[in-house]
Amino acid sequence: MVRGLLEAQLRVRVAYTLGYVCLDGYRLCHTPIEGLEQMLRTGIAPGSRINLHAWLTLPSHEIMDPTFWAVFPAHALADERQARGLFLHPDQMSRRSYHPQWVGEGFVRKIGVLEEYEGW
């Protein structure tokens, strides 16, 4: 839903991106490539959890992460908690870096975890 709103307002394609976040050298939501390949081969069992983080990436490489503060409240900066999200270019991030492992919805569709939103 957020991606559609951003694309309409900014008039650019926005990429749904999956991967992990490094914070002060520590990997958050990291799944090794071998684990992702296994999920692609076999899918995941209903109710299973996957250890990946999702964000949106603009063509300018800016990151739009509306969930970081909610998923990792202890690691979010005060202004992120106040704004309820993150919208920065990677060069502006001092303690955190984003590491994409998959771009697009293909992975989450293939393993069976993407739920379509029919609201609004």
PDB file of N, CA and C in Angstrom:
ATOM      1  N   MET A   1       0.821  -1.182   0.000  1.00  0.00           N
ATOM      2  CA  MET A   1       0.000   0.000   0.000  1.00  0.00           C
ATOM      3  C   MET A   1       0.870   1.253   0.000  1.00  0.00           C
ATOM      4  N   VAL A   2       1.890   1.277   0.853  1.00  0.00           N
ATOM      5  CA  VAL A   2       2.772   2.442   0.931  1.00  0.00           C
ATOM      6  C   VAL A   2       3.493   2.636  -0.401  1.00  0.00           C
ATOM      7  N   ARG A   3       3.910   1.533  -1.014  1.00  0.00           N
ATOM      8  CA  ARG A   3       4.608   1.638  -2.294  1.00  0.00           C
ATOM      9  C   ARG A   3       3.727   2.308  -3.337  1.00  0.00           C
ATOM     10  N   GLY A   4       2.480   1.918  -3.422  1.00  0.00           N
ATOM     11  CA  GLY A   4       1.563   2.524  -4.389  1.00  0.00           C
ATOM     12  C   GLY A   4       1.381   4.013  -4.153  1.00  0.00           C
ATOM     13  N   LEU A   5       1.258   4.392  -2.892  1.00  0.00           N
ATOM     14  CA  LEU A   5       1.124   5.820  -2.569  1.00  0.00           C
ATOM     15  C   LEU A   5       2.375   6.605  -2.960  1.00  0.00           C
ATOM     16  N   LEU A   6       3.541   6.053  -2.652  1.00  0.00           N
ATOM     17  CA  LEU A   6       4.795   6.720  -3.009  1.00  0.00           C
ATOM     18  C   LEU A   6       4.949   6.851  -4.523  1.00  0.00           C
ATOM     19  N   GLU A   7       4.653   5.786  -5.242  1.00  0.00           N
ATOM     20  CA  GLU A   7       4.788   5.833  -6.697  1.00  0.00           C
ATOM     21  C   GLU A   7       3.857   6.878  -7.302  1.00  0.00           C
ATOM     22  N   ALA A   8       2.651   6.976  -6.776  1.00  0.00           N
ATOM     23  CA  ALA A   8       1.710   7.966  -7.292  1.00  0.00           C
ATOM     24  C   ALA A   8       2.172   9.390  -6.991  1.00  0.00           C
ATOM     25  N   GLN A   9       2.664   9.622  -5.802  1.00  0.00           N
ATOM     26  CA  GLN A   9       3.085  10.963  -5.412  1.00  0.00           C
ATOM     27  C   GLN A   9       4.406  11.389  -6.061  1.00  0.00           C
ATOM     28  N   LEU A  10       5.354  10.471  -6.119  1.00  0.00           N
ATOM     29  CA  LEU A  10       6.684  10.804  -6.623  1.00  0.00           C
ATOM     30  C   LEU A  10       6.835  10.568  -8.125  1.00  0.00           C
ATOM     31  N   ARG A  11       5.896   9.812  -8.691  1.00  0.00           N
ATOM     32  CA  ARG A  11       5.914   9.475 -10.116  1.00  0.00           C
ATOM     33  C   ARG A  11       7.195   8.759 -10.544  1.00  0.00           C
ATOM     34  N   VAL A  12       7.613   7.823  -9.694  1.00  0.00           N
ATOM     35  CA  VAL A  12       8.758   6.962  -9.992  1.00  0.00           C
ATOM     36  C   VAL A  12       8.418   5.549  -9.548  1.00  0.00           C
ATOM     37  N   ARG A  13       9.131   4.562 -10.097  1.00  0.00           N
ATOM     38  CA  ARG A  13       8.968   3.190  -9.651  1.00  0.00           C
ATOM     39  C   ARG A  13       9.705   3.014  -8.329  1.00  0.00           C
ATOM     40  N   VAL A  14       9.071   2.357  -7.398  1.00  0.00           N
ATOM     41  CA  VAL A  14       9.649   2.103  -6.082  1.00  0.00           C
ATOM     42  C   VAL A  14       9.792   0.596  -5.936  1.00  0.00           C
ATOM     43  N   ALA A  15      10.972   0.149  -5.541  1.00  0.00           N
ATOM     44  CA  ALA A  15      11.250  -1.293  -5.458  1.00  0.00           C
ATOM     45  C   ALA A  15      10.965  -1.829  -4.062  1.00  0.00           C
ATOM     46  N   TYR A  16      10.186  -2.907  -4.015  1.00  0.00           N
ATOM     47  CA  TYR A  16       9.980  -3.673  -2.790  1.00  0.00           C
ATOM     48  C   TYR A  16      11.253  -4.470  -2.589  1.00  0.00           C
ATOM     49  N   THR A  17      11.919  -4.283  -1.457  1.00  0.00           N
ATOM     50  CA  THR A  17      13.238  -4.859  -1.238  1.00  0.00           C
ATOM     51  C   THR A  17      13.246  -5.692   0.039  1.00  0.00           C
ATOM     52  N   LEU A  18      13.847  -6.860  -0.040  1.00  0.00           N
ATOM     53  CA  LEU A  18      14.011  -7.746   1.111  1.00  0.00           C
ATOM     54  C   LEU A  18      15.487  -7.948   1.387  1.00  0.00           C
ATOM     55  N   GLY A  19      15.831  -8.033   2.644  1.00  0.00           N
ATOM     56  CA  GLY A  19      17.209  -8.273   3.013  1.00  0.00           C
ATOM     57  C   GLY A  19      17.385  -8.137   4.505  1.00  0.00           C
ATOM     58  N   TYR A  20      18.543  -7.638   4.901  1.00  0.00           N
ATOM     59  CA  TYR A  20      18.817  -7.463   6.317  1.00  0.00           C
ATOM     60  C   TYR A  20      19.408  -6.085   6.551  1.00  0.00           C
ATOM     61  N   VAL A  21      19.439  -5.709   7.820  1.00  0.00           N
ATOM     62  CA  VAL A  21      19.954  -4.412   8.234  1.00  0.00           C
ATOM     63  C   VAL A  21      21.140  -4.656   9.164  1.00  0.00           C
ATOM     64  N   CYS A  22      22.197  -3.902   8.963  1.00  0.00           N
ATOM     65  CA  CYS A  22      23.322  -3.931   9.902  1.00  0.00           C
ATOM     66  C   CYS A  22      23.238  -2.685  10.761  1.00  0.00           C
ATOM     67  N   LEU A  23      23.325  -2.890  12.048  1.00  0.00           N
ATOM     68  CA  LEU A  23      23.305  -1.782  12.994  1.00  0.00           C
ATOM     69  C   LEU A  23      24.524  -1.928  13.882  1.00  0.00           C
ATOM     70  N   ASP A  24      25.424  -0.978  13.785  1.00  0.00           N
ATOM     71  CA  ASP A  24      26.672  -1.024  14.556  1.00  0.00           C
ATOM     72  C   ASP A  24      27.397  -2.362  14.371  1.00  0.00           C
ATOM     73  N   GLY A  25      27.373  -2.883  13.133  1.00  0.00           N
ATOM     74  CA  GLY A  25      28.070  -4.124  12.823  1.00  0.00           C
ATOM     75  C   GLY A  25      27.295  -5.394  13.120  1.00  0.00           C
ATOM     76  N   TYR A  26      26.109  -5.288  13.707  1.00  0.00           N
ATOM     77  CA  TYR A  26      25.298  -6.455  14.052  1.00  0.00           C
ATOM     78  C   TYR A  26      24.191  -6.629  13.011  1.00  0.00           C
ATOM     79  N   ARG A  27      24.041  -7.835  12.481  1.00  0.00           N
ATOM     80  CA  ARG A  27      23.022  -8.116  11.468  1.00  0.00           C
ATOM     81  C   ARG A  27      21.660  -8.356  12.117  1.00  0.00           C
ATOM     82  N   LEU A  28      20.665  -7.612  11.663  1.00  0.00           N
ATOM     83  CA  LEU A  28      19.279  -7.772  12.116  1.00  0.00           C
ATOM     84  C   LEU A  28      18.488  -8.396  10.964  1.00  0.00           C
ATOM     85  N   CYS A  29      17.692  -9.393  11.265  1.00  0.00           N
ATOM     86  CA  CYS A  29      16.842 -10.064  10.265  1.00  0.00           C
ATOM     87  C   CYS A  29      17.659 -10.677   9.137  1.00  0.00           C
ATOM     88  N   HIS A  30      18.721 -11.347   9.478  1.00  0.00           N
ATOM     89  CA  HIS A  30      19.591 -11.919   8.453  1.00  0.00           C
ATOM     90  C   HIS A  30      19.284 -13.383   8.223  1.00  0.00           C
ATOM     91  N   THR A  31      19.113 -13.739   6.967  1.00  0.00           N
ATOM     92  CA  THR A  31      19.023 -15.129   6.549  1.00  0.00           C
ATOM     93  C   THR A  31      20.098 -15.333   5.488  1.00  0.00           C
ATOM     94  N   PRO A  32      20.990 -16.291   5.671  1.00  0.00           N
ATOM     95  CA  PRO A  32      22.012 -16.544   4.652  1.00  0.00           C
ATOM     96  C   PRO A  32      21.366 -16.913   3.312  1.00  0.00           C
ATOM     97  N   ILE A  33      22.084 -16.658   2.235  1.00  0.00           N
ATOM     98  CA  ILE A  33      21.589 -16.959   0.889  1.00  0.00           C
ATOM     99  C   ILE A  33      21.152 -18.418   0.773  1.00  0.00           C
ATOM    100  N   GLU A  34      21.882 -19.333   1.405  1.00  0.00           N
ATOM    101  CA  GLU A  34      21.512 -20.757   1.353  1.00  0.00           C
ATOM    102  C   GLU A  34      20.110 -20.975   1.929  1.00  0.00           C
ATOM    103  N   GLY A  35      19.772 -20.253   2.992  1.00  0.00           N
ATOM    104  CA  GLY A  35      18.440 -20.366   3.578  1.00  0.00           C
ATOM    105  C   GLY A  35      17.365 -19.824   2.653  1.00  0.00           C
ATOM    106  N   LEU A  36      17.669 -18.737   1.954  1.00  0.00           N
ATOM    107  CA  LEU A  36      16.718 -18.188   0.989  1.00  0.00           C
ATOM    108  C   LEU A  36      16.508 -19.148  -0.177  1.00  0.00           C
ATOM    109  N   GLU A  37      17.603 -19.749  -0.643  1.00  0.00           N
ATOM    110  CA  GLU A  37      17.502 -20.730  -1.730  1.00  0.00           C
ATOM    111  C   GLU A  37      16.662 -21.928  -1.312  1.00  0.00           C
ATOM    112  N   GLN A  38      16.816 -22.368  -0.065  1.00  0.00           N
ATOM    113  CA  GLN A  38      16.014 -23.486   0.442  1.00  0.00           C
ATOM    114  C   GLN A  38      14.536 -23.116   0.465  1.00  0.00           C
ATOM    115  N   MET A  39      14.220 -21.902   0.903  1.00  0.00           N
ATOM    116  CA  MET A  39      12.819 -21.452   0.912  1.00  0.00           C
ATOM    117  C   MET A  39      12.249 -21.438  -0.497  1.00  0.00           C
ATOM    118  N   LEU A  40      13.049 -21.024  -1.479  1.00  0.00           N
ATOM    119  CA  LEU A  40      12.583 -21.012  -2.865  1.00  0.00           C
ATOM    120  C   LEU A  40      12.298 -22.419  -3.368  1.00  0.00           C
ATOM    121  N   ARG A  41      13.104 -23.382  -2.957  1.00  0.00           N
ATOM    122  CA  ARG A  41      12.910 -24.768  -3.399  1.00  0.00           C
ATOM    123  C   ARG A  41      11.692 -25.409  -2.747  1.00  0.00           C
ATOM    124  N   THR A  42      11.502 -25.176  -1.451  1.00  0.00           N
ATOM    125  CA  THR A  42      10.492 -25.933  -0.711  1.00  0.00           C
ATOM    126  C   THR A  42       9.325 -25.097  -0.199  1.00  0.00           C
ATOM    127  N   GLY A  43       9.435 -23.753  -0.268  1.00  0.00           N
ATOM    128  CA  GLY A  43       8.420 -22.914   0.352  1.00  0.00           C
ATOM    129  C   GLY A  43       8.605 -22.933   1.860  1.00  0.00           C
ATOM    130  N   ILE A  44       7.628 -22.406   2.572  1.00  0.00           N
ATOM    131  CA  ILE A  44       7.684 -22.462   4.024  1.00  0.00           C
ATOM    132  C   ILE A  44       6.371 -23.015   4.541  1.00  0.00           C
ATOM    133  N   ALA A  45       6.432 -23.621   5.689  1.00  0.00           N
ATOM    134  CA  ALA A  45       5.236 -24.204   6.292  1.00  0.00           C
ATOM    135  C   ALA A  45       4.324 -23.093   6.797  1.00  0.00           C
ATOM    136  N   PRO A  46       3.005 -23.305   6.729  1.00  0.00           N
ATOM    137  CA  PRO A  46       2.081 -22.294   7.262  1.00  0.00           C
ATOM    138  C   PRO A  46       2.409 -21.963   8.709  1.00  0.00           C
ATOM    139  N   GLY A  47       2.413 -20.690   9.031  1.00  0.00           N
ATOM    140  CA  GLY A  47       2.705 -20.241  10.382  1.00  0.00           C
ATOM    141  C   GLY A  47       4.177 -20.067  10.681  1.00  0.00           C
ATOM    142  N   SER A  48       5.038 -20.451   9.727  1.00  0.00           N
ATOM    143  CA  SER A  48       6.476 -20.294   9.934  1.00  0.00           C
ATOM    144  C   SER A  48       6.861 -18.822   9.875  1.00  0.00           C
ATOM    145  N   ARG A  49       7.958 -18.508  10.521  1.00  0.00           N
ATOM    146  CA  ARG A  49       8.482 -17.143  10.491  1.00  0.00           C
ATOM    147  C   ARG A  49       9.700 -17.112   9.584  1.00  0.00           C
ATOM    148  N   ILE A  50       9.846 -15.999   8.870  1.00  0.00           N
ATOM    149  CA  ILE A  50      11.052 -15.825   8.075  1.00  0.00           C
ATOM    150  C   ILE A  50      11.831 -14.661   8.666  1.00  0.00           C
ATOM    151  N   ASN A  51      13.121 -14.754   8.584  1.00  0.00           N
ATOM    152  CA  ASN A  51      13.993 -13.760   9.194  1.00  0.00           C
ATOM    153  C   ASN A  51      14.538 -12.826   8.109  1.00  0.00           C
ATOM    154  N   LEU A  52      13.672 -11.932   7.609  1.00  0.00           N
ATOM    155  CA  LEU A  52      14.020 -10.943   6.603  1.00  0.00           C
ATOM    156  C   LEU A  52      13.354  -9.630   6.959  1.00  0.00           C
ATOM    157  N   HIS A  53      13.946  -8.543   6.509  1.00  0.00           N
ATOM    158  CA  HIS A  53      13.337  -7.234   6.699  1.00  0.00           C
ATOM    159  C   HIS A  53      12.928  -6.712   5.329  1.00  0.00           C
ATOM    160  N   ALA A  54      11.833  -6.002   5.255  1.00  0.00           N
ATOM    161  CA  ALA A  54      11.346  -5.431   3.998  1.00  0.00           C
ATOM    162  C   ALA A  54      11.374  -3.905   4.086  1.00  0.00           C
ATOM    163  N   TRP A  55      11.733  -3.290   2.979  1.00  0.00           N
ATOM    164  CA  TRP A  55      11.706  -1.829   2.868  1.00  0.00           C
ATOM    165  C   TRP A  55      11.481  -1.470   1.418  1.00  0.00           C
ATOM    166  N   LEU A  56      11.339  -0.204   1.148  1.00  0.00           N
ATOM    167  CA  LEU A  56      11.156   0.288  -0.206  1.00  0.00           C
ATOM    168  C   LEU A  56      12.399   1.063  -0.622  1.00  0.00           C
ATOM    169  N   THR A  57      12.800   0.892  -1.874  1.00  0.00           N
ATOM    170  CA  THR A  57      13.982   1.582  -2.382  1.00  0.00           C
ATOM    171  C   THR A  57      13.579   2.422  -3.589  1.00  0.00           C
ATOM    172  N   LEU A  58      13.923   3.703  -3.547  1.00  0.00           N
ATOM    173  CA  LEU A  58      13.643   4.612  -4.648  1.00  0.00           C
ATOM    174  C   LEU A  58      14.759   4.545  -5.686  1.00  0.00           C
ATOM    175  N   PRO A  59      14.520   5.000  -6.918  1.00  0.00           N
ATOM    176  CA  PRO A  59      15.575   4.984  -7.936  1.00  0.00           C
ATOM    177  C   PRO A  59      16.821   5.766  -7.508  1.00  0.00           C
ATOM    178  N   SER A  60      16.677   6.726  -6.616  1.00  0.00           N
ATOM    179  CA  SER A  60      17.807   7.510  -6.102  1.00  0.00           C
ATOM    180  C   SER A  60      18.570   6.751  -5.016  1.00  0.00           C
ATOM    181  N   HIS A  61      18.153   5.511  -4.736  1.00  0.00           N
ATOM    182  CA  HIS A  61      18.716   4.640  -3.704  1.00  0.00           C
ATOM    183  C   HIS A  61      18.300   5.049  -2.289  1.00  0.00           C
ATOM    184  N   GLU A  62      17.420   6.026  -2.157  1.00  0.00           N
ATOM    185  CA  GLU A  62      16.905   6.370  -0.837  1.00  0.00           C
ATOM    186  C   GLU A  62      16.078   5.203  -0.322  1.00  0.00           C
ATOM    187  N   ILE A  63      16.120   5.022   0.984  1.00  0.00           N
ATOM    188  CA  ILE A  63      15.414   3.945   1.660  1.00  0.00           C
ATOM    189  C   ILE A  63      14.176   4.518   2.337  1.00  0.00           C
ATOM    190  N   MET A  64      13.045   3.885   2.102  1.00  0.00           N
ATOM    191  CA  MET A  64      11.816   4.215   2.825  1.00  0.00           C
ATOM    192  C   MET A  64      11.485   2.987   3.648  1.00  0.00           C
ATOM    193  N   ASP A  65      11.653   3.107   4.962  1.00  0.00           N
ATOM    194  CA  ASP A  65      11.438   1.972   5.854  1.00  0.00           C
ATOM    195  C   ASP A  65      10.399   2.356   6.890  1.00  0.00           C
ATOM    196  N   PRO A  66       9.132   2.099   6.601  1.00  0.00           N
ATOM    197  CA  PRO A  66       8.075   2.501   7.533  1.00  0.00           C
ATOM    198  C   PRO A  66       7.934   1.605   8.760  1.00  0.00           C
ATOM    199  N   THR A  67       8.689   0.503   8.835  1.00  0.00           N
ATOM    200  CA  THR A  67       8.487  -0.423   9.948  1.00  0.00           C
ATOM    201  C   THR A  67       9.679  -0.580  10.875  1.00  0.00           C
ATOM    202  N   PHE A  68      10.826  -0.008  10.561  1.00  0.00           N
ATOM    203  CA  PHE A  68      12.012  -0.228  11.387  1.00  0.00           C
ATOM    204  C   PHE A  68      11.752   0.125  12.845  1.00  0.00           C
ATOM    205  N   TRP A  69      11.149   1.272  13.082  1.00  0.00           N
ATOM    206  CA  TRP A  69      10.911   1.728  14.460  1.00  0.00           C
ATOM    207  C   TRP A  69       9.992   0.772  15.216  1.00  0.00           C
ATOM    208  N   ALA A  70       9.068   0.133  14.508  1.00  0.00           N
ATOM    209  CA  ALA A  70       8.137  -0.786  15.175  1.00  0.00           C
ATOM    210  C   ALA A  70       8.770  -2.155  15.416  1.00  0.00           C
ATOM    211  N   VAL A  71       9.586  -2.615  14.471  1.00  0.00           N
ATOM    212  CA  VAL A  71      10.218  -3.927  14.585  1.00  0.00           C
ATOM    213  C   VAL A  71      11.386  -3.890  15.567  1.00  0.00           C
ATOM    214  N   PHE A  72      12.125  -2.774  15.555  1.00  0.00           N
ATOM    215  CA  PHE A  72      13.312  -2.635  16.408  1.00  0.00           C
ATOM    216  C   PHE A  72      13.230  -1.337  17.218  1.00  0.00           C
ATOM    217  N   PRO A  73      12.270  -1.209  18.107  1.00  0.00           N
ATOM    218  CA  PRO A  73      12.090   0.071  18.808  1.00  0.00           C
ATOM    219  C   PRO A  73      13.310   0.519  19.602  1.00  0.00           C
ATOM    220  N   ALA A  74      14.077  -0.391  20.137  1.00  0.00           N
ATOM    221  CA  ALA A  74      15.252  -0.006  20.924  1.00  0.00           C
ATOM    222  C   ALA A  74      16.363   0.565  20.048  1.00  0.00           C
ATOM    223  N   HIS A  75      16.333   0.262  18.746  1.00  0.00           N
ATOM    224  CA  HIS A  75      17.390   0.706  17.839  1.00  0.00           C
ATOM    225  C   HIS A  75      17.012   1.927  17.005  1.00  0.00           C
ATOM    226  N   ALA A  76      15.767   2.330  17.037  1.00  0.00           N
ATOM    227  CA  ALA A  76      15.334   3.474  16.240  1.00  0.00           C
ATOM    228  C   ALA A  76      15.786   4.771  16.909  1.00  0.00           C
ATOM    229  N   LEU A  77      16.211   5.702  16.096  1.00  0.00           N
ATOM    230  CA  LEU A  77      16.596   7.013  16.612  1.00  0.00           C
ATOM    231  C   LEU A  77      15.346   7.792  17.003  1.00  0.00           C
ATOM    232  N   ALA A  78      15.497   8.763  17.889  1.00  0.00           N
ATOM    233  CA  ALA A  78      14.344   9.509  18.405  1.00  0.00           C
ATOM    234  C   ALA A  78      13.516  10.125  17.285  1.00  0.00           C
ATOM    235  N   ASP A  79      14.158  10.735  16.284  1.00  0.00           N
ATOM    236  CA  ASP A  79      13.394  11.366  15.210  1.00  0.00           C
ATOM    237  C   ASP A  79      12.660  10.336  14.351  1.00  0.00           C
ATOM    238  N   GLU A  80      13.178   9.114  14.244  1.00  0.00           N
ATOM    239  CA  GLU A  80      12.481   8.062  13.522  1.00  0.00           C
ATOM    240  C   GLU A  80      11.230   7.623  14.278  1.00  0.00           C
ATOM    241  N   ARG A  81      11.350   7.483  15.586  1.00  0.00           N
ATOM    242  CA  ARG A  81      10.177   7.103  16.380  1.00  0.00           C
ATOM    243  C   ARG A  81       9.111   8.181  16.273  1.00  0.00           C
ATOM    244  N   GLN A  82       9.530   9.418  16.290  1.00  0.00           N
ATOM    245  CA  GLN A  82       8.585  10.525  16.211  1.00  0.00           C
ATOM    246  C   GLN A  82       7.902  10.552  14.844  1.00  0.00           C
ATOM    247  N   ALA A  83       8.667  10.344  13.780  1.00  0.00           N
ATOM    248  CA  ALA A  83       8.120  10.376  12.426  1.00  0.00           C
ATOM    249  C   ALA A  83       7.487   9.048  12.027  1.00  0.00           C
ATOM    250  N   ARG A  84       7.703   8.008  12.817  1.00  0.00           N
ATOM    251  CA  ARG A  84       7.166   6.672  12.559  1.00  0.00           C
ATOM    252  C   ARG A  84       7.701   6.061  11.274  1.00  0.00           C
ATOM    253  N   GLY A  85       8.920   6.399  10.904  1.00  0.00           N
ATOM    254  CA  GLY A  85       9.494   5.802   9.712  1.00  0.00           C
ATOM    255  C   GLY A  85      10.852   6.371   9.396  1.00  0.00           C
ATOM    256  N   LEU A  86      11.404   5.920   8.317  1.00  0.00           N
ATOM    257  CA  LEU A  86      12.730   6.313   7.894  1.00  0.00           C
ATOM    258  C   LEU A  86      12.680   6.585   6.404  1.00  0.00           C
ATOM    259  N   PHE A  87      13.229   7.704   5.993  1.00  0.00           N
ATOM    260  CA  PHE A  87      13.280   8.053   4.578  1.00  0.00           C
ATOM    261  C   PHE A  87      14.604   8.765   4.361  1.00  0.00           C
ATOM    262  N   LEU A  88      15.667   7.995   4.116  1.00  0.00           N
ATOM    263  CA  LEU A  88      17.012   8.550   4.013  1.00  0.00           C
ATOM    264  C   LEU A  88      17.789   7.910   2.873  1.00  0.00           C
ATOM    265  N   HIS A  89      18.777   8.639   2.395  1.00  0.00           N
ATOM    266  CA  HIS A  89      19.746   8.070   1.468  1.00  0.00           C
ATOM    267  C   HIS A  89      20.768   7.313   2.317  1.00  0.00           C
ATOM    268  N   PRO A  90      21.286   6.187   1.838  1.00  0.00           N
ATOM    269  CA  PRO A  90      22.264   5.430   2.634  1.00  0.00           C
ATOM    270  C   PRO A  90      23.464   6.251   3.105  1.00  0.00           C
ATOM    271  N   ASP A  91      23.866   7.259   2.345  1.00  0.00           N
ATOM    272  CA  ASP A  91      24.989   8.111   2.764  1.00  0.00           C
ATOM    273  C   ASP A  91      24.690   8.897   4.039  1.00  0.00           C
ATOM    274  N   GLN A  92      23.406   9.051   4.371  1.00  0.00           N
ATOM    275  CA  GLN A  92      23.004   9.806   5.555  1.00  0.00           C
ATOM    276  C   GLN A  92      22.881   8.931   6.801  1.00  0.00           C
ATOM    277  N   MET A  93      23.075   7.646   6.654  1.00  0.00           N
ATOM    278  CA  MET A  93      22.920   6.724   7.781  1.00  0.00           C
ATOM    279  C   MET A  93      24.282   6.489   8.425  1.00  0.00           C
ATOM    280  N   SER A  94      24.383   6.825   9.679  1.00  0.00           N
ATOM    281  CA  SER A  94      25.683   6.680  10.331  1.00  0.00           C
ATOM    282  C   SER A  94      25.873   5.316  10.997  1.00  0.00           C
ATOM    283  N   ARG A  95      24.851   4.780  11.632  1.00  0.00           N
ATOM    284  CA  ARG A  95      25.000   3.536  12.394  1.00  0.00           C
ATOM    285  C   ARG A  95      24.365   2.342  11.703  1.00  0.00           C
ATOM    286  N   ARG A  96      23.638   2.576  10.636  1.00  0.00           N
ATOM    287  CA  ARG A  96      22.827   1.515  10.041  1.00  0.00           C
ATOM    288  C   ARG A  96      23.108   1.421   8.542  1.00  0.00           C
ATOM    289  N   SER A  97      23.099   0.195   8.027  1.00  0.00           N
ATOM    290  CA  SER A  97      23.218  -0.013   6.588  1.00  0.00           C
ATOM    291  C   SER A  97      22.223  -1.099   6.172  1.00  0.00           C
ATOM    292  N   TYR A  98      21.696  -0.950   4.975  1.00  0.00           N
ATOM    293  CA  TYR A  98      20.716  -1.888   4.422  1.00  0.00           C
ATOM    294  C   TYR A  98      21.397  -2.764   3.380  1.00  0.00           C
ATOM    295  N   HIS A  99      21.096  -4.064   3.425  1.00  0.00           N
ATOM    296  CA  HIS A  99      21.734  -5.031   2.544  1.00  0.00           C
ATOM    297  C   HIS A  99      20.656  -5.822   1.808  1.00  0.00           C
ATOM    298  N   PRO A 100      20.327  -5.409   0.591  1.00  0.00           N
ATOM    299  CA  PRO A 100      19.283  -6.118  -0.159  1.00  0.00           C
ATOM    300  C   PRO A 100      19.735  -7.510  -0.572  1.00  0.00           C
ATOM    301  N   GLN A 101      18.807  -8.454  -0.473  1.00  0.00           N
ATOM    302  CA  GLN A 101      19.064  -9.814  -0.928  1.00  0.00           C
ATOM    303  C   GLN A 101      18.089 -10.211  -2.031  1.00  0.00           C
ATOM    304  N   TRP A 102      16.974  -9.499  -2.127  1.00  0.00           N
ATOM    305  CA  TRP A 102      15.979  -9.773  -3.160  1.00  0.00           C
ATOM    306  C   TRP A 102      15.216  -8.493  -3.433  1.00  0.00           C
ATOM    307  N   VAL A 103      14.989  -8.199  -4.711  1.00  0.00           N
ATOM    308  CA  VAL A 103      14.209  -7.022  -5.097  1.00  0.00           C
ATOM    309  C   VAL A 103      12.984  -7.499  -5.860  1.00  0.00           C
ATOM    310  N   GLY A 104      11.816  -7.016  -5.462  1.00  0.00           N
ATOM    311  CA  GLY A 104      10.559  -7.406  -6.092  1.00  0.00           C
ATOM    312  C   GLY A 104       9.791  -8.385  -5.225  1.00  0.00           C
ATOM    313  N   GLU A 105       8.556  -8.652  -5.637  1.00  0.00           N
ATOM    314  CA  GLU A 105       7.680  -9.531  -4.853  1.00  0.00           C
ATOM    315  C   GLU A 105       7.839 -11.006  -5.182  1.00  0.00           C
ATOM    316  N   GLY A 106       8.668 -11.336  -6.170  1.00  0.00           N
ATOM    317  CA  GLY A 106       8.785 -12.720  -6.622  1.00  0.00           C
ATOM    318  C   GLY A 106       9.115 -13.708  -5.523  1.00  0.00           C
ATOM    319  N   PHE A 107      10.035 -13.357  -4.643  1.00  0.00           N
ATOM    320  CA  PHE A 107      10.442 -14.274  -3.578  1.00  0.00           C
ATOM    321  C   PHE A 107       9.287 -14.573  -2.636  1.00  0.00           C
ATOM    322  N   VAL A 108       8.635 -13.538  -2.111  1.00  0.00           N
ATOM    323  CA  VAL A 108       7.571 -13.765  -1.133  1.00  0.00           C
ATOM    324  C   VAL A 108       6.350 -14.416  -1.770  1.00  0.00           C
ATOM    325  N   ARG A 109       6.132 -14.169  -3.060  1.00  0.00           N
ATOM    326  CA  ARG A 109       5.053 -14.887  -3.752  1.00  0.00           C
ATOM    327  C   ARG A 109       5.405 -16.370  -3.886  1.00  0.00           C
ATOM    328  N   LYS A 110       6.637 -16.651  -4.293  1.00  0.00           N
ATOM    329  CA  LYS A 110       7.071 -18.032  -4.521  1.00  0.00           C
ATOM    330  C   LYS A 110       7.035 -18.862  -3.237  1.00  0.00           C
ATOM    331  N   ILE A 111       7.440 -18.273  -2.099  1.00  0.00           N
ATOM    332  CA  ILE A 111       7.448 -19.065  -0.863  1.00  0.00           C
ATOM    333  C   ILE A 111       6.093 -19.039  -0.155  1.00  0.00           C
ATOM    334  N   GLY A 112       5.161 -18.218  -0.667  1.00  0.00           N
ATOM    335  CA  GLY A 112       3.786 -18.259  -0.164  1.00  0.00           C
ATOM    336  C   GLY A 112       3.475 -17.380   1.030  1.00  0.00           C
ATOM    337  N   VAL A 113       4.197 -16.250   1.208  1.00  0.00           N
ATOM    338  CA  VAL A 113       3.901 -15.417   2.369  1.00  0.00           C
ATOM    339  C   VAL A 113       3.320 -14.038   2.029  1.00  0.00           C
ATOM    340  N   LEU A 114       3.250 -13.676   0.750  1.00  0.00           N
ATOM    341  CA  LEU A 114       2.709 -12.369   0.400  1.00  0.00           C
ATOM    342  C   LEU A 114       1.196 -12.394   0.455  1.00  0.00           C
ATOM    343  N   GLU A 115       0.641 -11.463   1.203  1.00  0.00           N
ATOM    344  CA  GLU A 115      -0.804 -11.314   1.265  1.00  0.00           C
ATOM    345  C   GLU A 115      -1.175 -10.034   0.550  1.00  0.00           C
ATOM    346  N   GLU A 116      -2.089 -10.131  -0.390  1.00  0.00           N
ATOM    347  CA  GLU A 116      -2.519  -8.956  -1.140  1.00  0.00           C
ATOM    348  C   GLU A 116      -3.434  -8.112  -0.292  1.00  0.00           C
ATOM    349  N   TYR A 117      -3.275  -6.804  -0.420  1.00  0.00           N
ATOM    350  CA  TYR A 117      -4.111  -5.868   0.328  1.00  0.00           C
ATOM    351  C   TYR A 117      -5.149  -5.305  -0.618  1.00  0.00           C
ATOM    352  N   GLU A 118      -6.419  -5.486  -0.283  1.00  0.00           N
ATOM    353  CA  GLU A 118      -7.518  -5.069  -1.152  1.00  0.00           C
ATOM    354  C   GLU A 118      -8.263  -3.864  -0.580  1.00  0.00           C
ATOM    355  N   GLY A 119      -7.679  -3.140   0.341  1.00  0.00           N
ATOM    356  CA  GLY A 119      -8.383  -2.041   1.013  1.00  0.00           C
ATOM    357  C   GLY A 119      -8.255  -0.717   0.303  1.00  0.00           C
ATOM    358  N   TRP A 120      -8.809   0.260   0.896  1.00  0.00           N
ATOM    359  CA  TRP A 120      -8.760   1.663   0.511  1.00  0.00           C
ATOM    360  C   TRP A 120      -9.272   1.839  -0.871  1.00  0.00           C
TER     361      TRP A 120
END
